[in-house]
């Protein structure tokens, strides 16, 4: 099914000056001392396997002795900028424990493991080639989702923080059956809301390995949250189905869980709740979102064929002429957010009028 839904390969789109200016205004565009191309100069690597001896498709890479020290020092400085506003006093406490490279997928990222040498605590960040589409996805996630995300851009290099959680495919295979009834109902609810949010902001390809499930202990039960970790397919594809996580076969067990745990009326209620919350975030972040949309609506981040198909399908779905007149993928996202906000404000106004004495 996915082969028919998804393009074989999505190109990376350059970050134009207008987007760079936006990122600079919000402290995302900051000079760093190492680039993606620098990390590509590794001289060899070792395949990494999981606990079941399955190939993870990651390799642990190493560098020539004459440049290894400089790369390691630069990566520690990147970590300091990302997590400590560039405070160099933390550098003596840090060590680059590993640099891993993945050739799978579009972004071909490097995963950097940073360890505190005094207590062995560690965290990760990722180095990727900058792609305007992915950056828009990250920024929309930061503004409109329940989550905040930290990333940096410098010329053609993108630095992303690690998003902790259990990969969706691993959670479905190894943890879902162990959840109690309350937990399963909550996971079903979160998947409905996650599905709705992805569709509205046009974040595509949310197969189970592109999101994580985050369990949090709260008194006598565990709460769950679903969070996207891959933003490569932000409003690129032309098929509306690509932006609906429940379509992908990797999520069918989640869909089955939703059908068993929630009635149609409850599913609709959760969808309305998510639209209302999203509309509130749009209103609360209006200035920043308006600046982002100014960049996005004039940027080219997809093909004309995909644009034509998506605006046609959205018009058929909503009967809103604004979608049919959209001239860019960014304009489609803008119209989708305005559509949700307009309906929310209309409902709020009606409720206010009814409650007025």
C-alpha atoms as a PDB file:
ATOM      1  CA  UNK A   1       0.000   0.000   0.000  1.00  0.00           C
ATOM      2  CA  UNK A   2       2.739   2.474   0.971  1.00  0.00           C
ATOM      3  CA  UNK A   3       4.530   2.065  -2.360  1.00  0.00           C
ATOM      4  CA  UNK A   4       1.468   3.481  -4.090  1.00  0.00           C
ATOM      5  CA  UNK A   5       0.987   6.204  -1.494  1.00  0.00           C
ATOM      6  CA  UNK A   6       4.533   7.469  -1.190  1.00  0.00           C
ATOM      7  CA  UNK A   7       7.015   8.810  -3.716  1.00  0.00           C
ATOM      8  CA  UNK A   8      10.164   6.695  -4.016  1.00  0.00           C
ATOM      9  CA  UNK A   9      12.394   9.553  -2.865  1.00  0.00           C
ATOM     10  CA  UNK A  10      11.720  13.071  -1.669  1.00  0.00           C
ATOM     11  CA  UNK A  11      14.359  15.665  -2.617  1.00  0.00           C
ATOM     12  CA  UNK A  12      15.868  18.022  -0.059  1.00  0.00           C
ATOM     13  CA  UNK A  13      14.784  21.637  -0.564  1.00  0.00           C
ATOM     14  CA  UNK A  14      17.254  24.471   0.105  1.00  0.00           C
ATOM     15  CA  UNK A  15      16.758  26.910   2.966  1.00  0.00           C
ATOM     16  CA  UNK A  16      16.198  30.317   1.388  1.00  0.00           C
ATOM     17  CA  UNK A  17      17.185  33.658   2.882  1.00  0.00           C
ATOM     18  CA  UNK A  18      13.685  34.467   4.123  1.00  0.00           C
ATOM     19  CA  UNK A  19      13.549  31.259   6.148  1.00  0.00           C
ATOM     20  CA  UNK A  20      17.104  31.847   7.431  1.00  0.00           C
ATOM     21  CA  UNK A  21      15.993  35.308   8.625  1.00  0.00           C
ATOM     22  CA  UNK A  22      13.022  33.751  10.445  1.00  0.00           C
ATOM     23  CA  UNK A  23      15.248  31.171  12.104  1.00  0.00           C
ATOM     24  CA  UNK A  24      17.745  33.846  13.124  1.00  0.00           C
ATOM     25  CA  UNK A  25      14.984  35.905  14.739  1.00  0.00           C
ATOM     26  CA  UNK A  26      14.052  32.962  16.950  1.00  0.00           C
ATOM     27  CA  UNK A  27      17.651  31.904  17.700  1.00  0.00           C
ATOM     28  CA  UNK A  28      17.538  28.831  15.468  1.00  0.00           C
ATOM     29  CA  UNK A  29      20.126  30.009  12.922  1.00  0.00           C
ATOM     30  CA  UNK A  30      23.421  30.057  14.832  1.00  0.00           C
ATOM     31  CA  UNK A  31      26.977  29.601  13.628  1.00  0.00           C
ATOM     32  CA  UNK A  32      28.465  26.237  14.562  1.00  0.00           C
ATOM     33  CA  UNK A  33      31.925  24.812  13.988  1.00  0.00           C
ATOM     34  CA  UNK A  34      31.096  21.522  12.267  1.00  0.00           C
ATOM     35  CA  UNK A  35      28.969  20.697   9.222  1.00  0.00           C
ATOM     36  CA  UNK A  36      27.212  17.631   7.879  1.00  0.00           C
ATOM     37  CA  UNK A  37      29.831  17.371   5.134  1.00  0.00           C
ATOM     38  CA  UNK A  38      32.609  17.361   7.746  1.00  0.00           C
ATOM     39  CA  UNK A  39      31.107  14.258   9.351  1.00  0.00           C
ATOM     40  CA  UNK A  40      30.940  12.494   5.989  1.00  0.00           C
ATOM     41  CA  UNK A  41      34.737  12.267   5.975  1.00  0.00           C
ATOM     42  CA  UNK A  42      34.767   9.145   8.167  1.00  0.00           C
ATOM     43  CA  UNK A  43      37.325   6.503   7.205  1.00  0.00           C
ATOM     44  CA  UNK A  44      35.400   3.400   8.300  1.00  0.00           C
ATOM     45  CA  UNK A  45      32.617   1.994  10.422  1.00  0.00           C
ATOM     46  CA  UNK A  46      31.218  -1.024  12.265  1.00  0.00           C
ATOM     47  CA  UNK A  47      27.645  -2.310  11.870  1.00  0.00           C
ATOM     48  CA  UNK A  48      25.438  -1.929  14.957  1.00  0.00           C
ATOM     49  CA  UNK A  49      23.039  -4.683  16.049  1.00  0.00           C
ATOM     50  CA  UNK A  50      20.220  -4.656  18.596  1.00  0.00           C
ATOM     51  CA  UNK A  51      19.836  -7.072  21.534  1.00  0.00           C
ATOM     52  CA  UNK A  52      18.250  -9.669  19.240  1.00  0.00           C
ATOM     53  CA  UNK A  53      21.200  -9.434  16.812  1.00  0.00           C
ATOM     54  CA  UNK A  54      19.113  -7.637  14.182  1.00  0.00           C
ATOM     55  CA  UNK A  55      20.910  -5.137  11.971  1.00  0.00           C
ATOM     56  CA  UNK A  56      19.850  -1.639  13.067  1.00  0.00           C
ATOM     57  CA  UNK A  57      20.991  -0.103   9.743  1.00  0.00           C
ATOM     58  CA  UNK A  58      23.286   2.190  11.766  1.00  0.00           C
ATOM     59  CA  UNK A  59      27.069   2.007  11.643  1.00  0.00           C
ATOM     60  CA  UNK A  60      29.454   3.380  14.257  1.00  0.00           C
ATOM     61  CA  UNK A  61      31.980   5.458  12.329  1.00  0.00           C
ATOM     62  CA  UNK A  62      35.528   6.592  13.054  1.00  0.00           C
ATOM     63  CA  UNK A  63      37.828   9.273  11.656  1.00  0.00           C
ATOM     64  CA  UNK A  64      41.464   9.720  10.732  1.00  0.00           C
ATOM     65  CA  UNK A  65      43.656  10.600  13.706  1.00  0.00           C
ATOM     66  CA  UNK A  66      44.668  14.007  12.305  1.00  0.00           C
ATOM     67  CA  UNK A  67      41.085  15.338  12.338  1.00  0.00           C
ATOM     68  CA  UNK A  68      39.406  13.241  14.985  1.00  0.00           C
ATOM     69  CA  UNK A  69      40.187  15.603  17.885  1.00  0.00           C
ATOM     70  CA  UNK A  70      38.893  18.653  16.020  1.00  0.00           C
ATOM     71  CA  UNK A  71      35.613  16.916  15.094  1.00  0.00           C
ATOM     72  CA  UNK A  72      35.055  15.687  18.657  1.00  0.00           C
ATOM     73  CA  UNK A  73      35.703  19.142  20.103  1.00  0.00           C
ATOM     74  CA  UNK A  74      33.359  20.750  17.561  1.00  0.00           C
ATOM     75  CA  UNK A  75      30.567  18.297  18.384  1.00  0.00           C
ATOM     76  CA  UNK A  76      30.876  19.052  22.093  1.00  0.00           C
ATOM     77  CA  UNK A  77      30.554  22.749  21.278  1.00  0.00           C
ATOM     78  CA  UNK A  78      27.438  22.043  19.206  1.00  0.00           C
ATOM     79  CA  UNK A  79      25.951  20.235  22.202  1.00  0.00           C
ATOM     80  CA  UNK A  80      26.744  23.250  24.394  1.00  0.00           C
ATOM     81  CA  UNK A  81      24.961  25.590  21.964  1.00  0.00           C
ATOM     82  CA  UNK A  82      21.966  23.266  21.675  1.00  0.00           C
ATOM     83  CA  UNK A  83      21.474  22.610  25.379  1.00  0.00           C
ATOM     84  CA  UNK A  84      23.407  25.267  27.297  1.00  0.00           C
ATOM     85  CA  UNK A  85      23.265  28.401  25.143  1.00  0.00           C
ATOM     86  CA  UNK A  86      26.924  27.968  24.176  1.00  0.00           C
ATOM     87  CA  UNK A  87      28.282  27.861  27.735  1.00  0.00           C
ATOM     88  CA  UNK A  88      31.831  26.511  27.250  1.00  0.00           C
ATOM     89  CA  UNK A  89      32.330  25.858  30.957  1.00  0.00           C
ATOM     90  CA  UNK A  90      30.599  22.495  30.509  1.00  0.00           C
ATOM     91  CA  UNK A  91      33.018  21.286  27.791  1.00  0.00           C
ATOM     92  CA  UNK A  92      35.562  19.640  30.171  1.00  0.00           C
ATOM     93  CA  UNK A  93      32.720  17.482  31.538  1.00  0.00           C
ATOM     94  CA  UNK A  94      31.695  16.148  28.108  1.00  0.00           C
ATOM     95  CA  UNK A  95      32.889  13.311  25.927  1.00  0.00           C
ATOM     96  CA  UNK A  96      31.727  12.180  22.478  1.00  0.00           C
ATOM     97  CA  UNK A  97      30.992   8.522  23.205  1.00  0.00           C
ATOM     98  CA  UNK A  98      30.073   7.553  19.639  1.00  0.00           C
ATOM     99  CA  UNK A  99      29.177   8.870  16.187  1.00  0.00           C
ATOM    100  CA  UNK A 100      26.717   6.690  14.277  1.00  0.00           C
ATOM    101  CA  UNK A 101      25.642   7.029  10.653  1.00  0.00           C
ATOM    102  CA  UNK A 102      22.457   5.737   9.026  1.00  0.00           C
ATOM    103  CA  UNK A 103      22.213   5.363   5.260  1.00  0.00           C
ATOM    104  CA  UNK A 104      18.524   4.396   5.466  1.00  0.00           C
ATOM    105  CA  UNK A 105      15.879   6.983   4.509  1.00  0.00           C
ATOM    106  CA  UNK A 106      16.086  10.440   2.999  1.00  0.00           C
ATOM    107  CA  UNK A 107      18.002  12.357   5.658  1.00  0.00           C
ATOM    108  CA  UNK A 108      20.961   9.946   6.184  1.00  0.00           C
ATOM    109  CA  UNK A 109      21.572  11.335   9.677  1.00  0.00           C
ATOM    110  CA  UNK A 110      24.497  11.194  12.060  1.00  0.00           C
ATOM    111  CA  UNK A 111      23.587  10.326  15.661  1.00  0.00           C
ATOM    112  CA  UNK A 112      25.950  11.823  18.228  1.00  0.00           C
ATOM    113  CA  UNK A 113      26.148  10.330  21.723  1.00  0.00           C
ATOM    114  CA  UNK A 114      27.382  12.822  24.319  1.00  0.00           C
ATOM    115  CA  UNK A 115      28.383  11.507  27.738  1.00  0.00           C
ATOM    116  CA  UNK A 116      29.082  13.259  31.023  1.00  0.00           C
ATOM    117  CA  UNK A 117      32.456  11.852  32.080  1.00  0.00           C
ATOM    118  CA  UNK A 118      31.732  12.226  35.813  1.00  0.00           C
ATOM    119  CA  UNK A 119      28.451  10.351  36.098  1.00  0.00           C
ATOM    120  CA  UNK A 120      28.118   8.519  32.735  1.00  0.00           C
ATOM    121  CA  UNK A 121      24.777  10.162  31.957  1.00  0.00           C
ATOM    122  CA  UNK A 122      24.359  10.549  28.227  1.00  0.00           C
ATOM    123  CA  UNK A 123      22.101  12.020  25.597  1.00  0.00           C
ATOM    124  CA  UNK A 124      21.953  12.206  21.808  1.00  0.00           C
ATOM    125  CA  UNK A 125      21.558  14.761  19.083  1.00  0.00           C
ATOM    126  CA  UNK A 126      21.406  14.395  15.307  1.00  0.00           C
ATOM    127  CA  UNK A 127      23.269  16.089  12.476  1.00  0.00           C
ATOM    128  CA  UNK A 128      21.485  16.156   9.117  1.00  0.00           C
ATOM    129  CA  UNK A 129      21.603  18.000   5.854  1.00  0.00           C
ATOM    130  CA  UNK A 130      19.277  21.001   6.101  1.00  0.00           C
ATOM    131  CA  UNK A 131      15.975  20.620   4.249  1.00  0.00           C
ATOM    132  CA  UNK A 132      13.420  23.454   4.203  1.00  0.00           C
ATOM    133  CA  UNK A 133      10.485  21.019   4.288  1.00  0.00           C
ATOM    134  CA  UNK A 134      11.808  19.289   7.411  1.00  0.00           C
ATOM    135  CA  UNK A 135      12.523  22.634   9.093  1.00  0.00           C
ATOM    136  CA  UNK A 136       8.939  23.781   8.522  1.00  0.00           C
ATOM    137  CA  UNK A 137       7.767  20.510  10.063  1.00  0.00           C
ATOM    138  CA  UNK A 138       9.972  21.000  13.119  1.00  0.00           C
ATOM    139  CA  UNK A 139       8.812  24.579  13.607  1.00  0.00           C
ATOM    140  CA  UNK A 140       5.137  23.656  13.207  1.00  0.00           C
ATOM    141  CA  UNK A 141       5.649  20.888  15.766  1.00  0.00           C
ATOM    142  CA  UNK A 142       7.173  23.398  18.172  1.00  0.00           C
ATOM    143  CA  UNK A 143       4.356  25.923  17.753  1.00  0.00           C
ATOM    144  CA  UNK A 144       1.255  23.761  17.349  1.00  0.00           C
ATOM    145  CA  UNK A 145       1.811  20.440  19.111  1.00  0.00           C
ATOM    146  CA  UNK A 146       1.826  19.808  22.894  1.00  0.00           C
ATOM    147  CA  UNK A 147       5.608  19.408  22.584  1.00  0.00           C
ATOM    148  CA  UNK A 148       8.549  21.765  22.295  1.00  0.00           C
ATOM    149  CA  UNK A 149      11.498  20.843  20.136  1.00  0.00           C
ATOM    150  CA  UNK A 150      15.007  22.244  19.994  1.00  0.00           C
ATOM    151  CA  UNK A 151      16.956  22.479  16.743  1.00  0.00           C
ATOM    152  CA  UNK A 152      19.613  24.626  15.048  1.00  0.00           C
ATOM    153  CA  UNK A 153      20.401  25.471  11.432  1.00  0.00           C
ATOM    154  CA  UNK A 154      23.663  26.753  10.001  1.00  0.00           C
ATOM    155  CA  UNK A 155      24.064  27.089   6.215  1.00  0.00           C
ATOM    156  CA  UNK A 156      23.247  23.570   4.935  1.00  0.00           C
ATOM    157  CA  UNK A 157      23.460  21.712   8.273  1.00  0.00           C
ATOM    158  CA  UNK A 158      20.579  20.880  10.627  1.00  0.00           C
ATOM    159  CA  UNK A 159      21.060  19.918  14.277  1.00  0.00           C
ATOM    160  CA  UNK A 160      18.117  18.208  16.021  1.00  0.00           C
ATOM    161  CA  UNK A 161      17.766  17.239  19.645  1.00  0.00           C
ATOM    162  CA  UNK A 162      16.916  13.636  20.458  1.00  0.00           C
ATOM    163  CA  UNK A 163      13.274  12.914  21.273  1.00  0.00           C
ATOM    164  CA  UNK A 164      13.180  10.245  23.960  1.00  0.00           C
ATOM    165  CA  UNK A 165      10.538   7.539  23.891  1.00  0.00           C
ATOM    166  CA  UNK A 166       9.771   3.989  22.792  1.00  0.00           C
ATOM    167  CA  UNK A 167       9.725   3.718  18.974  1.00  0.00           C
ATOM    168  CA  UNK A 168       6.159   3.039  17.851  1.00  0.00           C
ATOM    169  CA  UNK A 169       6.962  -0.228  16.093  1.00  0.00           C
ATOM    170  CA  UNK A 170       8.793  -1.528  19.183  1.00  0.00           C
ATOM    171  CA  UNK A 171       5.965  -0.408  21.477  1.00  0.00           C
ATOM    172  CA  UNK A 172       3.328  -2.150  19.347  1.00  0.00           C
ATOM    173  CA  UNK A 173       5.356  -5.366  19.178  1.00  0.00           C
ATOM    174  CA  UNK A 174       6.591  -5.588  22.783  1.00  0.00           C
ATOM    175  CA  UNK A 175       4.547  -3.355  25.101  1.00  0.00           C
ATOM    176  CA  UNK A 176       1.002  -2.859  23.807  1.00  0.00           C
ATOM    177  CA  UNK A 177      -0.295  -6.276  24.916  1.00  0.00           C
ATOM    178  CA  UNK A 178       1.070  -5.677  28.421  1.00  0.00           C
ATOM    179  CA  UNK A 179      -0.984  -2.504  28.956  1.00  0.00           C
ATOM    180  CA  UNK A 180      -4.037  -2.653  31.196  1.00  0.00           C
ATOM    181  CA  UNK A 181      -7.493  -1.578  30.055  1.00  0.00           C
ATOM    182  CA  UNK A 182      -7.046   1.999  31.259  1.00  0.00           C
ATOM    183  CA  UNK A 183      -3.714   2.276  29.475  1.00  0.00           C
ATOM    184  CA  UNK A 184      -5.066   0.789  26.257  1.00  0.00           C
ATOM    185  CA  UNK A 185      -7.988   3.231  26.274  1.00  0.00           C
ATOM    186  CA  UNK A 186      -5.614   6.135  26.773  1.00  0.00           C
ATOM    187  CA  UNK A 187      -3.309   4.980  23.980  1.00  0.00           C
ATOM    188  CA  UNK A 188      -6.347   4.736  21.690  1.00  0.00           C
ATOM    189  CA  UNK A 189      -7.346   8.287  22.622  1.00  0.00           C
ATOM    190  CA  UNK A 190      -3.823   9.611  22.019  1.00  0.00           C
ATOM    191  CA  UNK A 191      -3.615   7.890  18.634  1.00  0.00           C
ATOM    192  CA  UNK A 192      -6.897   9.520  17.537  1.00  0.00           C
ATOM    193  CA  UNK A 193      -5.592  12.951  18.552  1.00  0.00           C
ATOM    194  CA  UNK A 194      -2.185  12.325  16.995  1.00  0.00           C
ATOM    195  CA  UNK A 195      -3.879  11.225  13.773  1.00  0.00           C
ATOM    196  CA  UNK A 196      -6.021  14.353  13.703  1.00  0.00           C
ATOM    197  CA  UNK A 197      -3.102  16.703  14.344  1.00  0.00           C
ATOM    198  CA  UNK A 198      -0.933  15.159  11.630  1.00  0.00           C
ATOM    199  CA  UNK A 199      -3.766  15.468   9.103  1.00  0.00           C
ATOM    200  CA  UNK A 200      -4.419  19.130   9.880  1.00  0.00           C
ATOM    201  CA  UNK A 201      -0.772  20.272   9.742  1.00  0.00           C
ATOM    202  CA  UNK A 202      -0.025  17.901   6.819  1.00  0.00           C
ATOM    203  CA  UNK A 203       2.736  15.912   8.490  1.00  0.00           C
ATOM    204  CA  UNK A 204       3.017  12.767   6.377  1.00  0.00           C
ATOM    205  CA  UNK A 205       4.451   9.259   6.615  1.00  0.00           C
ATOM    206  CA  UNK A 206       3.758   8.669  10.292  1.00  0.00           C
ATOM    207  CA  UNK A 207       4.406   4.954  10.113  1.00  0.00           C
ATOM    208  CA  UNK A 208       5.071   3.343  13.480  1.00  0.00           C
ATOM    209  CA  UNK A 209       8.854   3.815  13.312  1.00  0.00           C
ATOM    210  CA  UNK A 210       8.445   7.562  12.720  1.00  0.00           C
ATOM    211  CA  UNK A 211       6.864   8.327  16.098  1.00  0.00           C
ATOM    212  CA  UNK A 212       7.520   7.363  19.703  1.00  0.00           C
ATOM    213  CA  UNK A 213       5.234   6.416  22.578  1.00  0.00           C
ATOM    214  CA  UNK A 214       6.188   8.117  25.847  1.00  0.00           C
ATOM    215  CA  UNK A 215       4.942   6.486  29.086  1.00  0.00           C
ATOM    216  CA  UNK A 216       4.845   8.635  32.218  1.00  0.00           C
ATOM    217  CA  UNK A 217       4.117   7.278  35.700  1.00  0.00           C
ATOM    218  CA  UNK A 218       1.420   9.292  37.468  1.00  0.00           C
ATOM    219  CA  UNK A 219       0.449   8.056  40.950  1.00  0.00           C
ATOM    220  CA  UNK A 220      -1.308   4.704  40.428  1.00  0.00           C
ATOM    221  CA  UNK A 221      -1.288   4.528  36.624  1.00  0.00           C
ATOM    222  CA  UNK A 222       0.783   5.229  33.540  1.00  0.00           C
ATOM    223  CA  UNK A 223      -0.077   8.015  31.112  1.00  0.00           C
ATOM    224  CA  UNK A 224       0.919   7.773  27.457  1.00  0.00           C
ATOM    225  CA  UNK A 225       1.780  10.349  24.839  1.00  0.00           C
ATOM    226  CA  UNK A 226       2.488   9.864  21.129  1.00  0.00           C
ATOM    227  CA  UNK A 227       5.040  12.161  19.543  1.00  0.00           C
ATOM    228  CA  UNK A 228       6.384  12.475  16.005  1.00  0.00           C
ATOM    229  CA  UNK A 229      10.153  12.113  15.568  1.00  0.00           C
ATOM    230  CA  UNK A 230      10.541  12.388  11.781  1.00  0.00           C
ATOM    231  CA  UNK A 231       9.511  15.534   9.914  1.00  0.00           C
ATOM    232  CA  UNK A 232      10.887  14.697   6.485  1.00  0.00           C
ATOM    233  CA  UNK A 233       7.426  14.401   4.918  1.00  0.00           C
ATOM    234  CA  UNK A 234       6.047  17.797   5.889  1.00  0.00           C
ATOM    235  CA  UNK A 235       3.483  18.704   3.178  1.00  0.00           C
ATOM    236  CA  UNK A 236       5.348  17.133   0.259  1.00  0.00           C
ATOM    237  CA  UNK A 237       3.129  14.308  -1.021  1.00  0.00           C
ATOM    238  CA  UNK A 238       0.022  14.876  -3.115  1.00  0.00           C
ATOM    239  CA  UNK A 239      -2.219  12.158  -1.662  1.00  0.00           C
ATOM    240  CA  UNK A 240      -4.255  13.226   1.368  1.00  0.00           C
ATOM    241  CA  UNK A 241      -4.047   9.667   2.743  1.00  0.00           C
ATOM    242  CA  UNK A 242      -0.311  10.101   3.356  1.00  0.00           C
ATOM    243  CA  UNK A 243      -1.185  12.589   6.110  1.00  0.00           C
ATOM    244  CA  UNK A 244      -3.472  10.113   7.913  1.00  0.00           C
ATOM    245  CA  UNK A 245      -1.392   7.789  10.148  1.00  0.00           C
ATOM    246  CA  UNK A 246      -4.226   5.264  10.435  1.00  0.00           C
ATOM    247  CA  UNK A 247      -3.883   4.441   6.715  1.00  0.00           C
ATOM    248  CA  UNK A 248      -0.474   2.794   7.048  1.00  0.00           C
ATOM    249  CA  UNK A 249      -0.383  -0.947   7.659  1.00  0.00           C
ATOM    250  CA  UNK A 250       2.304  -0.518  10.343  1.00  0.00           C
ATOM    251  CA  UNK A 251      -0.356   1.244  12.461  1.00  0.00           C
ATOM    252  CA  UNK A 252      -3.173  -1.269  11.930  1.00  0.00           C
ATOM    253  CA  UNK A 253      -2.847  -2.633  15.480  1.00  0.00           C
ATOM    254  CA  UNK A 254      -3.297   0.903  16.783  1.00  0.00           C
ATOM    255  CA  UNK A 255      -6.331   1.338  14.543  1.00  0.00           C
ATOM    256  CA  UNK A 256      -7.717  -1.988  15.778  1.00  0.00           C
ATOM    257  CA  UNK A 257      -7.178  -0.829  19.352  1.00  0.00           C
ATOM    258  CA  UNK A 258      -9.097   2.382  18.656  1.00  0.00           C
ATOM    259  CA  UNK A 259     -12.033   0.456  17.162  1.00  0.00           C
ATOM    260  CA  UNK A 260     -12.175  -1.870  20.191  1.00  0.00           C
ATOM    261  CA  UNK A 261     -11.753   0.738  22.918  1.00  0.00           C
ATOM    262  CA  UNK A 262     -13.643   3.770  21.549  1.00  0.00           C
ATOM    263  CA  UNK A 263     -17.079   4.261  20.055  1.00  0.00           C
ATOM    264  CA  UNK A 264     -17.601   6.370  16.942  1.00  0.00           C
ATOM    265  CA  UNK A 265     -19.089   9.211  19.022  1.00  0.00           C
ATOM    266  CA  UNK A 266     -16.096   9.210  21.405  1.00  0.00           C
ATOM    267  CA  UNK A 267     -13.654   9.234  18.478  1.00  0.00           C
ATOM    268  CA  UNK A 268     -15.471  12.258  17.063  1.00  0.00           C
ATOM    269  CA  UNK A 269     -15.331  13.946  20.471  1.00  0.00           C
ATOM    270  CA  UNK A 270     -11.546  13.487  20.681  1.00  0.00           C
ATOM    271  CA  UNK A 271     -11.141  14.809  17.128  1.00  0.00           C
ATOM    272  CA  UNK A 272     -13.094  17.931  18.051  1.00  0.00           C
ATOM    273  CA  UNK A 273     -11.041  18.338  21.219  1.00  0.00           C
ATOM    274  CA  UNK A 274      -7.803  18.199  19.227  1.00  0.00           C
ATOM    275  CA  UNK A 275      -9.068  20.751  16.690  1.00  0.00           C
ATOM    276  CA  UNK A 276     -10.090  23.087  19.512  1.00  0.00           C
ATOM    277  CA  UNK A 277      -6.712  22.793  21.250  1.00  0.00           C
ATOM    278  CA  UNK A 278      -4.927  23.302  17.930  1.00  0.00           C
ATOM    279  CA  UNK A 279      -7.013  26.401  17.244  1.00  0.00           C
ATOM    280  CA  UNK A 280      -6.103  27.805  20.662  1.00  0.00           C
ATOM    281  CA  UNK A 281      -2.413  27.311  19.896  1.00  0.00           C
ATOM    282  CA  UNK A 282      -2.838  29.039  16.540  1.00  0.00           C
ATOM    283  CA  UNK A 283      -4.427  32.028  18.267  1.00  0.00           C
ATOM    284  CA  UNK A 284      -1.880  32.096  21.127  1.00  0.00           C
ATOM    285  CA  UNK A 285       1.108  31.938  18.741  1.00  0.00           C
ATOM    286  CA  UNK A 286      -0.364  34.133  16.032  1.00  0.00           C
ATOM    287  CA  UNK A 287       2.661  36.426  15.523  1.00  0.00           C
ATOM    288  CA  UNK A 288       5.284  33.694  15.251  1.00  0.00           C
ATOM    289  CA  UNK A 289       3.000  31.512  13.142  1.00  0.00           C
ATOM    290  CA  UNK A 290       2.207  34.411  10.823  1.00  0.00           C
ATOM    291  CA  UNK A 291       5.930  34.986  10.214  1.00  0.00           C
ATOM    292  CA  UNK A 292       6.450  31.279   9.561  1.00  0.00           C
ATOM    293  CA  UNK A 293       3.533  31.165   7.131  1.00  0.00           C
ATOM    294  CA  UNK A 294       4.957  34.206   5.330  1.00  0.00           C
ATOM    295  CA  UNK A 295       8.058  32.111   4.596  1.00  0.00           C
ATOM    296  CA  UNK A 296       6.224  28.886   3.897  1.00  0.00           C
ATOM    297  CA  UNK A 297       3.570  30.201   1.516  1.00  0.00           C
ATOM    298  CA  UNK A 298       6.177  31.656  -0.847  1.00  0.00           C
ATOM    299  CA  UNK A 299       8.584  28.712  -0.665  1.00  0.00           C
ATOM    300  CA  UNK A 300       8.715  25.743  -3.026  1.00  0.00           C
ATOM    301  CA  UNK A 301       8.768  22.536  -0.971  1.00  0.00           C
ATOM    302  CA  UNK A 302       6.983  20.125  -3.307  1.00  0.00           C
ATOM    303  CA  UNK A 303       6.242  19.460  -6.954  1.00  0.00           C
ATOM    304  CA  UNK A 304       3.480  21.136  -8.949  1.00  0.00           C
ATOM    305  CA  UNK A 305       1.911  17.721  -9.539  1.00  0.00           C
ATOM    306  CA  UNK A 306       1.700  16.989  -5.814  1.00  0.00           C
ATOM    307  CA  UNK A 307       0.335  20.469  -5.125  1.00  0.00           C
ATOM    308  CA  UNK A 308      -2.424  20.097  -7.724  1.00  0.00           C
ATOM    309  CA  UNK A 309      -3.458  16.693  -6.415  1.00  0.00           C
ATOM    310  CA  UNK A 310      -3.516  17.664  -2.738  1.00  0.00           C
ATOM    311  CA  UNK A 311      -5.473  20.880  -3.167  1.00  0.00           C
ATOM    312  CA  UNK A 312      -8.018  19.000  -5.285  1.00  0.00           C
ATOM    313  CA  UNK A 313      -8.425  16.243  -2.697  1.00  0.00           C
ATOM    314  CA  UNK A 314      -8.720  18.773   0.133  1.00  0.00           C
ATOM    315  CA  UNK A 315     -11.379  20.687  -1.749  1.00  0.00           C
ATOM    316  CA  UNK A 316     -13.350  17.474  -2.293  1.00  0.00           C
ATOM    317  CA  UNK A 317     -12.975  16.735   1.421  1.00  0.00           C
ATOM    318  CA  UNK A 318     -13.895  20.186   2.807  1.00  0.00           C
ATOM    319  CA  UNK A 319     -15.647  22.018  -0.077  1.00  0.00           C
ATOM    320  CA  UNK A 320     -13.585  25.069   0.899  1.00  0.00           C
ATOM    321  CA  UNK A 321     -12.589  27.028  -2.230  1.00  0.00           C
ATOM    322  CA  UNK A 322      -9.468  28.378  -0.481  1.00  0.00           C
ATOM    323  CA  UNK A 323      -7.837  24.980  -0.844  1.00  0.00           C
ATOM    324  CA  UNK A 324      -8.599  24.875  -4.546  1.00  0.00           C
ATOM    325  CA  UNK A 325      -6.973  28.306  -5.039  1.00  0.00           C
ATOM    326  CA  UNK A 326      -3.813  27.484  -3.031  1.00  0.00           C
ATOM    327  CA  UNK A 327      -0.628  28.240  -4.972  1.00  0.00           C
ATOM    328  CA  UNK A 328       1.841  26.469  -2.677  1.00  0.00           C
ATOM    329  CA  UNK A 329       1.972  23.716  -0.083  1.00  0.00           C
ATOM    330  CA  UNK A 330       2.571  26.365   2.541  1.00  0.00           C
ATOM    331  CA  UNK A 331      -0.638  28.095   1.527  1.00  0.00           C
ATOM    332  CA  UNK A 332      -2.523  24.816   1.919  1.00  0.00           C
ATOM    333  CA  UNK A 333      -1.192  24.481   5.492  1.00  0.00           C
ATOM    334  CA  UNK A 334      -2.124  28.116   6.186  1.00  0.00           C
ATOM    335  CA  UNK A 335      -5.648  27.556   4.850  1.00  0.00           C
ATOM    336  CA  UNK A 336      -6.005  24.367   6.903  1.00  0.00           C
ATOM    337  CA  UNK A 337      -5.051  26.186  10.104  1.00  0.00           C
ATOM    338  CA  UNK A 338      -7.366  29.078   9.261  1.00  0.00           C
ATOM    339  CA  UNK A 339     -10.168  26.594   8.540  1.00  0.00           C
ATOM    340  CA  UNK A 340      -9.758  24.993  11.977  1.00  0.00           C
ATOM    341  CA  UNK A 341      -9.372  28.340  13.776  1.00  0.00           C
ATOM    342  CA  UNK A 342     -12.355  29.880  11.999  1.00  0.00           C
ATOM    343  CA  UNK A 343     -14.616  27.009  12.995  1.00  0.00           C
ATOM    344  CA  UNK A 344     -13.356  27.145  16.574  1.00  0.00           C
ATOM    345  CA  UNK A 345     -13.913  30.906  16.826  1.00  0.00           C
ATOM    346  CA  UNK A 346     -17.398  30.543  15.314  1.00  0.00           C
ATOM    347  CA  UNK A 347     -18.342  27.903  17.904  1.00  0.00           C
ATOM    348  CA  UNK A 348     -16.838  29.979  20.742  1.00  0.00           C
ATOM    349  CA  UNK A 349     -18.761  33.058  19.597  1.00  0.00           C
ATOM    350  CA  UNK A 350     -22.024  31.116  19.437  1.00  0.00           C
ATOM    351  CA  UNK A 351     -21.429  29.711  22.924  1.00  0.00           C
ATOM    352  CA  UNK A 352     -20.650  33.202  24.244  1.00  0.00           C
ATOM    353  CA  UNK A 353     -23.856  34.574  22.754  1.00  0.00           C
ATOM    354  CA  UNK A 354     -25.880  31.760  24.283  1.00  0.00           C
ATOM    355  CA  UNK A 355     -24.366  32.359  27.711  1.00  0.00           C
ATOM    356  CA  UNK A 356     -24.884  36.134  27.579  1.00  0.00           C
ATOM    357  CA  UNK A 357     -27.660  37.413  29.882  1.00  0.00           C
END
